[in-house]
Amino acid sequence: MKTTGILILLAISVTGCKGQHSNDEAFTSERISRTASFVVNEPIDKVFPLYGAFEERKWAPGWEPVLIYPDKEVMEEGTTFKIFSHGNGHGHGNSEKEFLWVVSKYEPQDYLVQYLVSTPNRFWTITVQSNSIENDTKTNTTVTYTYTGLNAEGNELNKQSLHGMYENNLQDWADLINGYFEKQ
C-alpha cells in the first residue's frame, strides 16, 4: 500500500512537470542506469544498517537528512526526507539544491533498500543489495542508480550525475565505510 502511494505521488509529480514543459515539443525523456559492487570488510549485520537514511551520517561526510515522515528517524517503506546540497551535491550534481528522498522498498531480511529521489528536473532510484561473503566475515554490496529525465536539463544532469557517482566505481563508498569501521 505504501509503495502504491509513492507511485501515485510520483505520477502526479511527473504529470505536473510534463505540463510545465509542454512547450518543449522536442524533449524526449531519457533513462540511464549503472551498477557497481564493492566489498566491506565487516559482516552484513553491521554493514547493511549503514545504508539507512539516517545511519549514513556515520560514514558520509556532509550527509544531513531532514526528516519529513514519519515523526521519528526510522527506516521503513514510506520514510521521507530531504537533502539540501550545500554545493557538494553528494554525487547528484551541483546545480540542484534540494532533493526529496522516499524509501520505496525496504526489505531488511533480504538486505535490500531502494530509494526514490526527485527534483523538478528528474527522478531516480538507488537500489542497494547486500550479501554475505567469505564465511559471513565480509559484505558485498551492489548499488544500482537508474535516472530518468523530466526535461532536457534533467537528462543532462543525469548524465553528469551518473558519471560522477561511478567515476571510481563506488570504491569511494567502500573506502568511507571501511574507514568508519577502522575507527571503531
Protein backbone atom coordinates (compact mmCIF):
# COMPACT_ATOMS: atom_id res chain seq x y z
CA MET A 1 0.00 0.00 0.00
CA LYS A 2 2.80 2.42 0.86
CA THR A 3 4.55 1.79 -2.46
CA THR A 4 1.29 2.49 -4.33
CA GLY A 5 1.06 5.89 -2.62
CA ILE A 6 4.63 6.67 -3.58
CA LEU A 7 3.94 5.77 -7.21
CA ILE A 8 0.81 7.93 -7.24
CA LEU A 9 2.81 10.84 -5.80
CA LEU A 10 5.46 10.32 -8.47
CA ALA A 11 2.84 10.13 -11.23
CA ILE A 12 1.35 13.43 -10.06
CA SER A 13 4.82 14.98 -9.95
CA VAL A 14 5.70 13.74 -13.45
CA THR A 15 2.35 14.86 -14.86
CA GLY A 16 2.85 18.28 -13.32
CA CYS A 17 6.31 18.56 -14.82
CA LYS A 18 5.12 17.46 -18.24
CA GLY A 19 2.54 20.22 -18.21
CA GLN A 20 5.16 22.78 -17.22
CA HIS A 21 7.43 21.76 -20.10
CA SER A 22 4.84 21.08 -22.79
CA ASN A 23 6.22 23.96 -24.89
CA ASP A 24 9.35 21.85 -25.48
CA GLU A 25 7.95 19.53 -28.15
CA ALA A 26 11.42 18.18 -28.97
CA PHE A 27 12.01 16.86 -25.45
CA THR A 28 12.38 13.10 -25.06
CA SER A 29 12.87 11.68 -21.60
CA GLU A 30 15.99 9.54 -21.26
CA ARG A 31 16.59 6.76 -18.75
CA ILE A 32 20.13 5.72 -17.87
CA SER A 33 21.40 3.21 -15.35
CA ARG A 34 24.60 1.81 -13.94
CA THR A 35 25.53 -0.82 -11.37
CA ALA A 36 28.70 -1.46 -9.38
CA SER A 37 29.66 -3.67 -6.45
CA PHE A 38 32.16 -3.29 -3.66
CA VAL A 39 33.28 -5.17 -0.54
CA VAL A 40 33.19 -4.01 3.07
CA ASN A 41 35.42 -5.90 5.49
CA GLU A 42 32.69 -6.47 8.09
CA PRO A 43 29.71 -8.84 8.50
CA ILE A 44 26.46 -7.93 6.78
CA ASP A 45 24.54 -7.27 10.03
CA LYS A 46 26.98 -4.46 10.83
CA VAL A 47 27.18 -3.09 7.28
CA PHE A 48 23.62 -3.12 5.94
CA PRO A 49 22.16 -0.68 8.52
CA LEU A 50 24.69 1.94 7.31
CA TYR A 51 22.72 2.21 4.05
CA GLY A 52 19.78 3.56 6.01
CA ALA A 53 18.75 7.18 5.58
CA PHE A 54 19.97 8.25 9.00
CA GLU A 55 22.81 5.81 9.67
CA GLU A 56 24.59 7.08 6.55
CA ARG A 57 25.65 10.10 8.62
CA LYS A 58 28.24 7.83 10.27
CA TRP A 59 30.29 7.40 7.09
CA ALA A 60 29.20 10.01 4.51
CA PRO A 61 30.66 13.46 5.19
CA GLY A 62 28.04 16.21 4.86
CA TRP A 63 25.09 13.82 4.83
CA GLU A 64 22.34 15.70 6.66
CA PRO A 65 18.85 14.29 6.01
CA VAL A 66 15.91 16.44 7.12
CA LEU A 67 13.07 14.20 8.21
CA ILE A 68 9.61 14.74 6.71
CA TYR A 69 7.79 11.48 7.51
CA PRO A 70 7.25 9.76 9.93
CA ASP A 71 7.84 11.84 13.05
CA LYS A 72 10.93 9.87 14.14
CA GLU A 73 14.02 8.63 12.33
CA VAL A 74 13.09 5.08 11.39
CA MET A 75 13.74 3.09 8.25
CA GLU A 76 10.54 1.77 6.69
CA GLU A 77 8.81 1.96 3.35
CA GLY A 78 7.50 5.49 3.02
CA THR A 79 10.13 7.18 5.18
CA THR A 80 10.56 10.58 3.53
CA PHE A 81 13.29 13.18 3.94
CA LYS A 82 15.08 15.97 2.12
CA ILE A 83 18.72 16.57 1.46
CA PHE A 84 20.00 20.08 0.76
CA SER A 85 23.08 20.22 -1.43
CA HIS A 86 25.24 22.97 0.12
CA GLY A 87 27.35 22.79 -3.05
CA ASN A 88 28.55 19.19 -2.82
CA GLY A 89 25.54 17.51 -4.46
CA HIS A 90 26.52 14.13 -2.96
CA GLY A 91 27.30 12.97 -6.48
CA HIS A 92 23.93 14.09 -7.83
CA GLY A 93 25.01 17.37 -9.41
CA ASN A 94 25.71 20.79 -8.04
CA SER A 95 23.08 22.96 -9.75
CA GLU A 96 20.15 21.49 -7.81
CA LYS A 97 19.88 22.42 -4.16
CA GLU A 98 17.06 20.25 -2.81
CA PHE A 99 16.45 16.52 -3.19
CA LEU A 100 13.32 14.72 -1.99
CA TRP A 101 14.03 11.12 -0.90
CA VAL A 102 11.48 8.37 -0.23
CA VAL A 103 12.25 4.84 0.93
CA SER A 104 10.37 3.00 -1.81
CA LYS A 105 11.44 -0.52 -0.83
CA TYR A 106 12.80 -1.76 2.47
CA GLU A 107 13.40 -5.46 3.00
CA PRO A 108 15.97 -5.75 5.80
CA GLN A 109 15.55 -9.53 5.99
CA ASP A 110 16.88 -9.64 2.40
CA TYR A 111 19.39 -6.80 2.95
CA LEU A 112 17.68 -4.66 0.31
CA VAL A 113 16.79 -0.97 0.35
CA GLN A 114 15.64 1.24 -2.51
CA TYR A 115 15.24 4.99 -2.54
CA LEU A 116 13.25 7.14 -4.94
CA VAL A 117 14.85 10.58 -5.27
CA SER A 118 13.33 13.52 -7.13
CA THR A 119 13.91 17.12 -8.14
CA PRO A 120 11.88 19.29 -10.52
CA ASN A 121 14.15 18.15 -13.39
CA ARG A 122 14.44 14.41 -12.84
CA PHE A 123 13.98 11.41 -10.61
CA TRP A 124 15.98 8.28 -9.93
CA THR A 125 16.09 5.14 -7.89
CA ILE A 126 19.01 3.92 -5.86
CA THR A 127 18.85 0.19 -5.16
CA VAL A 128 21.25 -1.22 -2.57
CA GLN A 129 21.51 -5.00 -2.19
CA SER A 130 23.99 -6.65 0.19
CA ASN A 131 25.04 -10.25 0.68
CA SER A 132 27.48 -12.05 2.94
CA ILE A 133 30.74 -13.37 1.55
CA GLU A 134 33.85 -15.13 2.86
CA ASN A 135 32.10 -17.18 5.55
CA ASP A 136 29.99 -14.22 6.68
CA THR A 137 33.05 -12.12 7.58
CA LYS A 138 32.64 -9.58 4.74
CA THR A 139 29.81 -7.94 2.85
CA ASN A 140 29.42 -7.50 -0.87
CA THR A 141 27.13 -4.60 -1.78
CA THR A 142 25.69 -3.94 -5.23
CA VAL A 143 24.32 -0.46 -5.95
CA THR A 144 22.25 0.48 -9.00
CA TYR A 145 21.35 4.05 -9.91
CA THR A 146 18.61 4.47 -12.53
CA TYR A 147 17.95 8.07 -13.62
CA THR A 148 15.01 9.44 -15.65
CA GLY A 149 14.90 12.98 -17.03
CA LEU A 150 11.77 15.08 -16.77
CA ASN A 151 13.13 17.77 -19.11
CA ALA A 152 16.25 18.42 -21.20
CA GLU A 153 18.11 19.82 -18.20
CA GLY A 154 17.25 16.69 -16.22
CA ASN A 155 18.58 14.46 -18.99
CA GLU A 156 21.89 16.35 -18.93
CA LEU A 157 22.10 16.41 -15.12
CA ASN A 158 21.51 12.65 -15.09
CA LYS A 159 24.48 12.04 -17.40
CA GLN A 160 26.70 14.21 -15.20
CA SER A 161 25.44 12.56 -12.02
CA LEU A 162 25.89 9.03 -13.30
CA HIS A 163 29.42 9.82 -14.44
CA GLY A 164 30.27 11.49 -11.11
CA MET A 165 28.71 8.76 -9.00
CA TYR A 166 30.53 5.92 -10.78
CA GLU A 167 33.79 7.71 -11.54
CA ASN A 168 35.51 5.38 -9.04
CA ASN A 169 33.00 2.50 -9.44
CA LEU A 170 31.76 3.25 -5.90
CA GLN A 171 35.16 2.40 -4.42
CA ASP A 172 34.80 5.72 -2.56
CA TRP A 173 31.80 4.21 -0.74
CA ALA A 174 33.87 1.16 0.20
CA ASP A 175 36.73 3.34 1.41
CA LEU A 176 34.46 5.53 3.53
CA ILE A 177 32.57 2.61 5.09
CA ASN A 178 35.72 0.55 5.74
CA GLY A 179 37.32 3.70 7.19
CA TYR A 180 34.35 4.14 9.51
CA PHE A 181 34.79 0.59 10.83
CA GLU A 182 38.55 1.01 11.21
CA LYS A 183 37.91 3.94 13.61
CA GLN A 184 35.56 1.86 15.77
